[in-house]
Amino acid sequence: MLFRFFHHVSNEFIRLAITTPLFLKGLLDLHKGIGAKHVNVGDMRMAIVSVPPMAEQLRVLKRVAELRRLCADLRQRLTASQATQSRLAEALVDQVA
């Protein structure tokens, strides 16, 4: 779907807001029946998104970016740590054998 917003709304903030699990669950909960659940244009037109002032939107986006970088760094460190642990375990097994 294509959305057009006023100049005082960050497109990235809206994208972030409407892709949260809570927001999507709220939209999908509107659907009843046995068919595949999906979000349609009518649902999105009626959806309510709280939009703070632009300065706050930018602060939120900056913090989310920082947290995503931190998570990526932690995933990378975890992978490296697991690789080291695996090599150490192999070395111990080789010494015992």
PDB file of N, CA and C in Angstrom:
ATOM      1  N   MET A   1       0.840  -1.180   0.000  1.00  0.00           N
ATOM      2  CA  MET A   1       0.000   0.000   0.000  1.00  0.00           C
ATOM      3  C   MET A   1       0.886   1.244   0.000  1.00  0.00           C
ATOM      4  N   LEU A   2       0.423   2.250  -0.645  1.00  0.00           N
ATOM      5  CA  LEU A   2       1.142   3.518  -0.682  1.00  0.00           C
ATOM      6  C   LEU A   2       0.424   4.500   0.233  1.00  0.00           C
ATOM      7  N   PHE A   3       1.184   5.088   1.139  1.00  0.00           N
ATOM      8  CA  PHE A   3       0.628   6.083   2.048  1.00  0.00           C
ATOM      9  C   PHE A   3       1.298   7.420   1.782  1.00  0.00           C
ATOM     10  N   ARG A   4       0.528   8.475   1.839  1.00  0.00           N
ATOM     11  CA  ARG A   4       1.075   9.824   1.706  1.00  0.00           C
ATOM     12  C   ARG A   4       0.732  10.572   2.993  1.00  0.00           C
ATOM     13  N   PHE A   5       1.767  11.199   3.557  1.00  0.00           N
ATOM     14  CA  PHE A   5       1.581  11.879   4.834  1.00  0.00           C
ATOM     15  C   PHE A   5       1.922  13.347   4.703  1.00  0.00           C
ATOM     16  N   PHE A   6       1.493  14.082   5.692  1.00  0.00           N
ATOM     17  CA  PHE A   6       1.839  15.492   5.764  1.00  0.00           C
ATOM     18  C   PHE A   6       3.325  15.636   6.073  1.00  0.00           C
ATOM     19  N   HIS A   7       3.853  16.801   5.875  1.00  0.00           N
ATOM     20  CA  HIS A   7       5.282  17.044   6.059  1.00  0.00           C
ATOM     21  C   HIS A   7       5.736  16.861   7.508  1.00  0.00           C
ATOM     22  N   HIS A   8       4.844  16.898   8.472  1.00  0.00           N
ATOM     23  CA  HIS A   8       5.241  16.777   9.875  1.00  0.00           C
ATOM     24  C   HIS A   8       5.190  15.333  10.383  1.00  0.00           C
ATOM     25  N   VAL A   9       5.144  14.380   9.440  1.00  0.00           N
ATOM     26  CA  VAL A   9       5.126  12.968   9.808  1.00  0.00           C
ATOM     27  C   VAL A   9       6.262  12.269   9.081  1.00  0.00           C
ATOM     28  N   SER A  10       7.062  11.535   9.842  1.00  0.00           N
ATOM     29  CA  SER A  10       8.157  10.769   9.263  1.00  0.00           C
ATOM     30  C   SER A  10       7.629   9.456   8.698  1.00  0.00           C
ATOM     31  N   ASN A  11       7.882   9.227   7.415  1.00  0.00           N
ATOM     32  CA  ASN A  11       7.466   7.969   6.793  1.00  0.00           C
ATOM     33  C   ASN A  11       8.073   6.772   7.520  1.00  0.00           C
ATOM     34  N   GLU A  12       9.318   6.906   7.907  1.00  0.00           N
ATOM     35  CA  GLU A  12      10.002   5.815   8.602  1.00  0.00           C
ATOM     36  C   GLU A  12       9.360   5.553   9.969  1.00  0.00           C
ATOM     37  N   PHE A  13       8.939   6.599  10.648  1.00  0.00           N
ATOM     38  CA  PHE A  13       8.276   6.415  11.937  1.00  0.00           C
ATOM     39  C   PHE A  13       6.953   5.661  11.751  1.00  0.00           C
ATOM     40  N   ILE A  14       6.186   6.049  10.746  1.00  0.00           N
ATOM     41  CA  ILE A  14       4.913   5.370  10.485  1.00  0.00           C
ATOM     42  C   ILE A  14       5.159   3.911  10.121  1.00  0.00           C
ATOM     43  N   ARG A  15       6.153   3.659   9.271  1.00  0.00           N
ATOM     44  CA  ARG A  15       6.475   2.275   8.904  1.00  0.00           C
ATOM     45  C   ARG A  15       6.808   1.458  10.140  1.00  0.00           C
ATOM     46  N   LEU A  16       7.594   2.045  11.014  1.00  0.00           N
ATOM     47  CA  LEU A  16       7.957   1.366  12.257  1.00  0.00           C
ATOM     48  C   LEU A  16       6.713   1.120  13.116  1.00  0.00           C
ATOM     49  N   ALA A  17       5.856   2.114  13.221  1.00  0.00           N
ATOM     50  CA  ALA A  17       4.659   2.006  14.066  1.00  0.00           C
ATOM     51  C   ALA A  17       3.679   0.956  13.555  1.00  0.00           C
ATOM     52  N   ILE A  18       3.490   0.882  12.245  1.00  0.00           N
ATOM     53  CA  ILE A  18       2.476  -0.038  11.715  1.00  0.00           C
ATOM     54  C   ILE A  18       3.003  -1.452  11.495  1.00  0.00           C
ATOM     55  N   THR A  19       4.269  -1.673  11.754  1.00  0.00           N
ATOM     56  CA  THR A  19       4.809  -3.028  11.620  1.00  0.00           C
ATOM     57  C   THR A  19       5.104  -3.666  12.975  1.00  0.00           C
ATOM     58  N   THR A  20       4.660  -3.020  14.036  1.00  0.00           N
ATOM     59  CA  THR A  20       4.857  -3.632  15.353  1.00  0.00           C
ATOM     60  C   THR A  20       3.885  -4.797  15.506  1.00  0.00           C
ATOM     61  N   PRO A  21       4.292  -5.830  16.230  1.00  0.00           N
ATOM     62  CA  PRO A  21       3.387  -6.973  16.431  1.00  0.00           C
ATOM     63  C   PRO A  21       2.041  -6.566  17.028  1.00  0.00           C
ATOM     64  N   LEU A  22       2.040  -5.636  17.960  1.00  0.00           N
ATOM     65  CA  LEU A  22       0.794  -5.224  18.603  1.00  0.00           C
ATOM     66  C   LEU A  22      -0.155  -4.561  17.603  1.00  0.00           C
ATOM     67  N   PHE A  23       0.370  -3.679  16.763  1.00  0.00           N
ATOM     68  CA  PHE A  23      -0.461  -3.001  15.769  1.00  0.00           C
ATOM     69  C   PHE A  23      -1.033  -4.008  14.776  1.00  0.00           C
ATOM     70  N   LEU A  24      -0.165  -4.886  14.259  1.00  0.00           N
ATOM     71  CA  LEU A  24      -0.625  -5.878  13.281  1.00  0.00           C
ATOM     72  C   LEU A  24      -1.630  -6.845  13.890  1.00  0.00           C
ATOM     73  N   LYS A  25      -1.410  -7.236  15.135  1.00  0.00           N
ATOM     74  CA  LYS A  25      -2.358  -8.139  15.803  1.00  0.00           C
ATOM     75  C   LYS A  25      -3.727  -7.467  15.898  1.00  0.00           C
ATOM     76  N   GLY A  26      -3.736  -6.186  16.232  1.00  0.00           N
ATOM     77  CA  GLY A  26      -4.993  -5.455  16.331  1.00  0.00           C
ATOM     78  C   GLY A  26      -5.754  -5.452  15.016  1.00  0.00           C
ATOM     79  N   LEU A  27      -5.030  -5.256  13.916  1.00  0.00           N
ATOM     80  CA  LEU A  27      -5.691  -5.275  12.608  1.00  0.00           C
ATOM     81  C   LEU A  27      -6.176  -6.675  12.252  1.00  0.00           C
ATOM     82  N   LEU A  28      -5.335  -7.672  12.484  1.00  0.00           N
ATOM     83  CA  LEU A  28      -5.708  -9.037  12.119  1.00  0.00           C
ATOM     84  C   LEU A  28      -6.829  -9.576  12.999  1.00  0.00           C
ATOM     85  N   ASP A  29      -6.939  -9.073  14.219  1.00  0.00           N
ATOM     86  CA  ASP A  29      -8.019  -9.508  15.105  1.00  0.00           C
ATOM     87  C   ASP A  29      -9.391  -9.059  14.606  1.00  0.00           C
ATOM     88  N   LEU A  30      -9.419  -8.101  13.709  1.00  0.00           N
ATOM     89  CA  LEU A  30     -10.678  -7.639  13.145  1.00  0.00           C
ATOM     90  C   LEU A  30     -11.310  -8.695  12.230  1.00  0.00           C
ATOM     91  N   HIS A  31     -10.482  -9.575  11.712  1.00  0.00           N
ATOM     92  CA  HIS A  31     -10.948 -10.567  10.741  1.00  0.00           C
ATOM     93  C   HIS A  31     -11.438 -11.820  11.438  1.00  0.00           C
ATOM     94  N   LYS A  32     -12.593 -12.272  11.007  1.00  0.00           N
ATOM     95  CA  LYS A  32     -13.186 -13.496  11.543  1.00  0.00           C
ATOM     96  C   LYS A  32     -13.355 -14.477  10.391  1.00  0.00           C
ATOM     97  N   GLY A  33     -13.548 -15.724  10.708  1.00  0.00           N
ATOM     98  CA  GLY A  33     -13.804 -16.713   9.672  1.00  0.00           C
ATOM     99  C   GLY A  33     -12.607 -17.616   9.445  1.00  0.00           C
ATOM    100  N   ILE A  34     -12.705 -18.401   8.384  1.00  0.00           N
ATOM    101  CA  ILE A  34     -11.686 -19.415   8.143  1.00  0.00           C
ATOM    102  C   ILE A  34     -10.692 -19.024   7.066  1.00  0.00           C
ATOM    103  N   GLY A  35     -10.917 -17.939   6.389  1.00  0.00           N
ATOM    104  CA  GLY A  35     -10.018 -17.510   5.322  1.00  0.00           C
ATOM    105  C   GLY A  35      -8.687 -17.029   5.870  1.00  0.00           C
ATOM    106  N   ALA A  36      -7.746 -16.849   4.961  1.00  0.00           N
ATOM    107  CA  ALA A  36      -6.429 -16.348   5.344  1.00  0.00           C
ATOM    108  C   ALA A  36      -6.559 -14.913   5.850  1.00  0.00           C
ATOM    109  N   LYS A  37      -5.999 -14.664   7.003  1.00  0.00           N
ATOM    110  CA  LYS A  37      -6.054 -13.309   7.551  1.00  0.00           C
ATOM    111  C   LYS A  37      -5.053 -12.429   6.814  1.00  0.00           C
ATOM    112  N   HIS A  38      -5.465 -11.216   6.560  1.00  0.00           N
ATOM    113  CA  HIS A  38      -4.597 -10.247   5.916  1.00  0.00           C
ATOM    114  C   HIS A  38      -5.067  -8.840   6.282  1.00  0.00           C
ATOM    115  N   VAL A  39      -4.232  -7.888   5.999  1.00  0.00           N
ATOM    116  CA  VAL A  39      -4.574  -6.490   6.248  1.00  0.00           C
ATOM    117  C   VAL A  39      -4.981  -5.889   4.909  1.00  0.00           C
ATOM    118  N   ASN A  40      -6.150  -5.280   4.861  1.00  0.00           N
ATOM    119  CA  ASN A  40      -6.578  -4.680   3.598  1.00  0.00           C
ATOM    120  C   ASN A  40      -6.586  -3.157   3.693  1.00  0.00           C
ATOM    121  N   VAL A  41      -6.807  -2.529   2.566  1.00  0.00           N
ATOM    122  CA  VAL A  41      -6.760  -1.068   2.490  1.00  0.00           C
ATOM    123  C   VAL A  41      -7.782  -0.426   3.424  1.00  0.00           C
ATOM    124  N   GLY A  42      -8.982  -0.989   3.487  1.00  0.00           N
ATOM    125  CA  GLY A  42     -10.010  -0.440   4.370  1.00  0.00           C
ATOM    126  C   GLY A  42      -9.589  -0.457   5.824  1.00  0.00           C
ATOM    127  N   ASP A  43      -8.922  -1.551   6.227  1.00  0.00           N
ATOM    128  CA  ASP A  43      -8.423  -1.636   7.604  1.00  0.00           C
ATOM    129  C   ASP A  43      -7.416  -0.525   7.876  1.00  0.00           C
ATOM    130  N   MET A  44      -6.523  -0.327   6.929  1.00  0.00           N
ATOM    131  CA  MET A  44      -5.480   0.682   7.126  1.00  0.00           C
ATOM    132  C   MET A  44      -6.053   2.094   7.129  1.00  0.00           C
ATOM    133  N   ARG A  45      -7.088   2.322   6.340  1.00  0.00           N
ATOM    134  CA  ARG A  45      -7.709   3.653   6.334  1.00  0.00           C
ATOM    135  C   ARG A  45      -8.345   3.973   7.675  1.00  0.00           C
ATOM    136  N   MET A  46      -8.832   2.963   8.353  1.00  0.00           N
ATOM    137  CA  MET A  46      -9.504   3.165   9.635  1.00  0.00           C
ATOM    138  C   MET A  46      -8.555   3.053  10.827  1.00  0.00           C
ATOM    139  N   ALA A  47      -7.337   2.626  10.586  1.00  0.00           N
ATOM    140  CA  ALA A  47      -6.388   2.421  11.681  1.00  0.00           C
ATOM    141  C   ALA A  47      -5.982   3.755  12.303  1.00  0.00           C
ATOM    142  N   ILE A  48      -5.766   3.705  13.590  1.00  0.00           N
ATOM    143  CA  ILE A  48      -5.330   4.891  14.327  1.00  0.00           C
ATOM    144  C   ILE A  48      -3.881   4.677  14.744  1.00  0.00           C
ATOM    145  N   VAL A  49      -3.043   5.628  14.396  1.00  0.00           N
ATOM    146  CA  VAL A  49      -1.621   5.577  14.755  1.00  0.00           C
ATOM    147  C   VAL A  49      -1.305   6.835  15.546  1.00  0.00           C
ATOM    148  N   SER A  50      -0.801   6.657  16.746  1.00  0.00           N
ATOM    149  CA  SER A  50      -0.394   7.807  17.556  1.00  0.00           C
ATOM    150  C   SER A  50       0.897   8.372  16.986  1.00  0.00           C
ATOM    151  N   VAL A  51       0.878   9.646  16.692  1.00  0.00           N
ATOM    152  CA  VAL A  51       2.044  10.286  16.087  1.00  0.00           C
ATOM    153  C   VAL A  51       2.499  11.429  16.980  1.00  0.00           C
ATOM    154  N   PRO A  52       3.660  11.270  17.600  1.00  0.00           N
ATOM    155  CA  PRO A  52       4.183  12.355  18.445  1.00  0.00           C
ATOM    156  C   PRO A  52       4.745  13.480  17.573  1.00  0.00           C
ATOM    157  N   PRO A  53       5.144  14.573  18.197  1.00  0.00           N
ATOM    158  CA  PRO A  53       5.775  15.660  17.438  1.00  0.00           C
ATOM    159  C   PRO A  53       7.010  15.153  16.689  1.00  0.00           C
ATOM    160  N   MET A  54       7.369  15.838  15.622  1.00  0.00           N
ATOM    161  CA  MET A  54       8.466  15.398  14.760  1.00  0.00           C
ATOM    162  C   MET A  54       9.768  15.171  15.533  1.00  0.00           C
ATOM    163  N   ALA A  55      10.076  16.046  16.483  1.00  0.00           N
ATOM    164  CA  ALA A  55      11.315  15.875  17.252  1.00  0.00           C
ATOM    165  C   ALA A  55      11.318  14.538  17.991  1.00  0.00           C
ATOM    166  N   GLU A  56      10.182  14.160  18.529  1.00  0.00           N
ATOM    167  CA  GLU A  56      10.081  12.881  19.250  1.00  0.00           C
ATOM    168  C   GLU A  56      10.144  11.708  18.268  1.00  0.00           C
ATOM    169  N   GLN A  57       9.521  11.858  17.113  1.00  0.00           N
ATOM    170  CA  GLN A  57       9.614  10.805  16.090  1.00  0.00           C
ATOM    171  C   GLN A  57      11.079  10.547  15.747  1.00  0.00           C
ATOM    172  N   LEU A  58      11.828  11.614  15.543  1.00  0.00           N
ATOM    173  CA  LEU A  58      13.239  11.477  15.186  1.00  0.00           C
ATOM    174  C   LEU A  58      14.047  10.859  16.324  1.00  0.00           C
ATOM    175  N   ARG A  59      13.723  11.222  17.577  1.00  0.00           N
ATOM    176  CA  ARG A  59      14.406  10.605  18.724  1.00  0.00           C
ATOM    177  C   ARG A  59      14.119   9.107  18.781  1.00  0.00           C
ATOM    178  N   VAL A  60      12.876   8.730  18.545  1.00  0.00           N
ATOM    179  CA  VAL A  60      12.502   7.312  18.554  1.00  0.00           C
ATOM    180  C   VAL A  60      13.258   6.569  17.455  1.00  0.00           C
ATOM    181  N   LEU A  61      13.275   7.123  16.256  1.00  0.00           N
ATOM    182  CA  LEU A  61      13.965   6.472  15.139  1.00  0.00           C
ATOM    183  C   LEU A  61      15.461   6.335  15.402  1.00  0.00           C
ATOM    184  N   LYS A  62      16.057   7.365  15.995  1.00  0.00           N
ATOM    185  CA  LYS A  62      17.483   7.311  16.311  1.00  0.00           C
ATOM    186  C   LYS A  62      17.753   6.208  17.337  1.00  0.00           C
ATOM    187  N   ARG A  63      16.911   6.118  18.351  1.00  0.00           N
ATOM    188  CA  ARG A  63      17.099   5.102  19.402  1.00  0.00           C
ATOM    189  C   ARG A  63      16.896   3.697  18.846  1.00  0.00           C
ATOM    190  N   VAL A  64      15.892   3.529  17.990  1.00  0.00           N
ATOM    191  CA  VAL A  64      15.662   2.219  17.364  1.00  0.00           C
ATOM    192  C   VAL A  64      16.876   1.813  16.531  1.00  0.00           C
ATOM    193  N   ALA A  65      17.435   2.754  15.779  1.00  0.00           N
ATOM    194  CA  ALA A  65      18.626   2.461  14.981  1.00  0.00           C
ATOM    195  C   ALA A  65      19.792   2.054  15.879  1.00  0.00           C
ATOM    196  N   GLU A  66      19.970   2.759  16.995  1.00  0.00           N
ATOM    197  CA  GLU A  66      21.035   2.407  17.946  1.00  0.00           C
ATOM    198  C   GLU A  66      20.829   1.002  18.508  1.00  0.00           C
ATOM    199  N   LEU A  67      19.590   0.690  18.878  1.00  0.00           N
ATOM    200  CA  LEU A  67      19.298  -0.633  19.442  1.00  0.00           C
ATOM    201  C   LEU A  67      19.471  -1.732  18.398  1.00  0.00           C
ATOM    202  N   ARG A  68      19.115  -1.461  17.168  1.00  0.00           N
ATOM    203  CA  ARG A  68      19.315  -2.455  16.102  1.00  0.00           C
ATOM    204  C   ARG A  68      20.798  -2.715  15.873  1.00  0.00           C
ATOM    205  N   ARG A  69      21.608  -1.652  15.898  1.00  0.00           N
ATOM    206  CA  ARG A  69      23.065  -1.829  15.760  1.00  0.00           C
ATOM    207  C   ARG A  69      23.611  -2.647  16.930  1.00  0.00           C
ATOM    208  N   LEU A  70      23.138  -2.346  18.130  1.00  0.00           N
ATOM    209  CA  LEU A  70      23.566  -3.088  19.307  1.00  0.00           C
ATOM    210  C   LEU A  70      23.196  -4.560  19.184  1.00  0.00           C
ATOM    211  N   CYS A  71      21.981  -4.852  18.740  1.00  0.00           N
ATOM    212  CA  CYS A  71      21.533  -6.241  18.570  1.00  0.00           C
ATOM    213  C   CYS A  71      22.380  -6.954  17.521  1.00  0.00           C
ATOM    214  N   ALA A  72      22.676  -6.270  16.425  1.00  0.00           N
ATOM    215  CA  ALA A  72      23.509  -6.871  15.377  1.00  0.00           C
ATOM    216  C   ALA A  72      24.900  -7.176  15.920  1.00  0.00           C
ATOM    217  N   ASP A  73      25.452  -6.254  16.705  1.00  0.00           N
ATOM    218  CA  ASP A  73      26.763  -6.464  17.312  1.00  0.00           C
ATOM    219  C   ASP A  73      26.725  -7.642  18.286  1.00  0.00           C
ATOM    220  N   LEU A  74      25.678  -7.717  19.087  1.00  0.00           N
ATOM    221  CA  LEU A  74      25.572  -8.817  20.041  1.00  0.00           C
ATOM    222  C   LEU A  74      25.406 -10.157  19.326  1.00  0.00           C
ATOM    223  N   ARG A  75      24.639 -10.183  18.239  1.00  0.00           N
ATOM    224  CA  ARG A  75      24.501 -11.427  17.451  1.00  0.00           C
ATOM    225  C   ARG A  75      25.847 -11.854  16.883  1.00  0.00           C
ATOM    226  N   GLN A  76      26.612 -10.873  16.383  1.00  0.00           N
ATOM    227  CA  GLN A  76      27.925 -11.169  15.825  1.00  0.00           C
ATOM    228  C   GLN A  76      28.860 -11.703  16.914  1.00  0.00           C
ATOM    229  N   ARG A  77      28.839 -11.079  18.074  1.00  0.00           N
ATOM    230  CA  ARG A  77      29.684 -11.550  19.183  1.00  0.00           C
ATOM    231  C   ARG A  77      29.269 -12.938  19.639  1.00  0.00           C
ATOM    232  N   LEU A  78      27.969 -13.203  19.691  1.00  0.00           N
ATOM    233  CA  LEU A  78      27.471 -14.510  20.093  1.00  0.00           C
ATOM    234  C   LEU A  78      27.919 -15.580  19.107  1.00  0.00           C
ATOM    235  N   THR A  79      27.837 -15.277  17.825  1.00  0.00           N
ATOM    236  CA  THR A  79      28.281 -16.230  16.800  1.00  0.00           C
ATOM    237  C   THR A  79      29.766 -16.514  16.944  1.00  0.00           C
ATOM    238  N   ALA A  80      30.554 -15.458  17.148  1.00  0.00           N
ATOM    239  CA  ALA A  80      31.997 -15.640  17.321  1.00  0.00           C
ATOM    240  C   ALA A  80      32.296 -16.446  18.572  1.00  0.00           C
ATOM    241  N   SER A  81      31.575 -16.168  19.646  1.00  0.00           N
ATOM    242  CA  SER A  81      31.766 -16.898  20.904  1.00  0.00           C
ATOM    243  C   SER A  81      31.411 -18.370  20.742  1.00  0.00           C
ATOM    244  N   GLN A  82      30.320 -18.656  20.036  1.00  0.00           N
ATOM    245  CA  GLN A  82      29.920 -20.044  19.810  1.00  0.00           C
ATOM    246  C   GLN A  82      30.942 -20.777  18.950  1.00  0.00           C
ATOM    247  N   ALA A  83      31.517 -20.083  17.963  1.00  0.00           N
ATOM    248  CA  ALA A  83      32.551 -20.689  17.126  1.00  0.00           C
ATOM    249  C   ALA A  83      33.785 -21.008  17.963  1.00  0.00           C
ATOM    250  N   THR A  84      34.170 -20.089  18.839  1.00  0.00           N
ATOM    251  CA  THR A  84      35.323 -20.320  19.724  1.00  0.00           C
ATOM    252  C   THR A  84      35.043 -21.490  20.654  1.00  0.00           C
ATOM    253  N   GLN A  85      33.851 -21.525  21.219  1.00  0.00           N
ATOM    254  CA  GLN A  85      33.469 -22.608  22.123  1.00  0.00           C
ATOM    255  C   GLN A  85      33.518 -23.951  21.390  1.00  0.00           C
ATOM    256  N   SER A  86      33.065 -23.975  20.170  1.00  0.00           N
ATOM    257  CA  SER A  86      33.080 -25.202  19.383  1.00  0.00           C
ATOM    258  C   SER A  86      34.508 -25.661  19.108  1.00  0.00           C
ATOM    259  N   ARG A  87      35.382 -24.708  18.766  1.00  0.00           N
ATOM    260  CA  ARG A  87      36.786 -25.066  18.524  1.00  0.00           C
ATOM    261  C   ARG A  87      37.454 -25.583  19.791  1.00  0.00           C
ATOM    262  N   LEU A  88      37.147 -24.960  20.926  1.00  0.00           N
ATOM    263  CA  LEU A  88      37.720 -25.428  22.194  1.00  0.00           C
ATOM    264  C   LEU A  88      37.230 -26.836  22.537  1.00  0.00           C
ATOM    265  N   ALA A  89      35.948 -27.087  22.305  1.00  0.00           N
ATOM    266  CA  ALA A  89      35.403 -28.415  22.564  1.00  0.00           C
ATOM    267  C   ALA A  89      36.064 -29.462  21.668  1.00  0.00           C
ATOM    268  N   GLU A  90      36.271 -29.119  20.397  1.00  0.00           N
ATOM    269  CA  GLU A  90      36.945 -30.033  19.480  1.00  0.00           C
ATOM    270  C   GLU A  90      38.359 -30.304  19.932  1.00  0.00           C
ATOM    271  N   ALA A  91      39.059 -29.265  20.381  1.00  0.00           N
ATOM    272  CA  ALA A  91      40.425 -29.419  20.853  1.00  0.00           C
ATOM    273  C   ALA A  91      40.480 -30.334  22.064  1.00  0.00           C
ATOM    274  N   LEU A  92      39.532 -30.191  22.988  1.00  0.00           N
ATOM    275  CA  LEU A  92      39.477 -31.053  24.174  1.00  0.00           C
ATOM    276  C   LEU A  92      39.214 -32.505  23.781  1.00  0.00           C
ATOM    277  N   VAL A  93      38.309 -32.711  22.850  1.00  0.00           N
ATOM    278  CA  VAL A  93      38.003 -34.067  22.384  1.00  0.00           C
ATOM    279  C   VAL A  93      39.236 -34.676  21.715  1.00  0.00           C
ATOM    280  N   ASP A  94      39.936 -33.875  20.909  1.00  0.00           N
ATOM    281  CA  ASP A  94      41.157 -34.370  20.242  1.00  0.00           C
ATOM    282  C   ASP A  94      42.218 -34.762  21.246  1.00  0.00           C
ATOM    283  N   GLN A  95      42.349 -34.018  22.342  1.00  0.00           N
ATOM    284  CA  GLN A  95      43.338 -34.321  23.364  1.00  0.00           C
ATOM    285  C   GLN A  95      43.000 -35.614  24.111  1.00  0.00           C
ATOM    286  N   VAL A  96      41.717 -35.858  24.336  1.00  0.00           N
ATOM    287  CA  VAL A  96      41.278 -37.052  25.046  1.00  0.00           C
ATOM    288  C   VAL A  96      41.451 -38.289  24.178  1.00  0.00           C
ATOM    289  N   ALA A  97      41.224 -38.129  22.883  1.00  0.00           N
ATOM    290  CA  ALA A  97      41.285 -39.286  21.974  1.00  0.00           C
ATOM    291  C   ALA A  97      42.663 -39.751  21.685  1.00  0.00           C
TER     292      ALA A  97
END
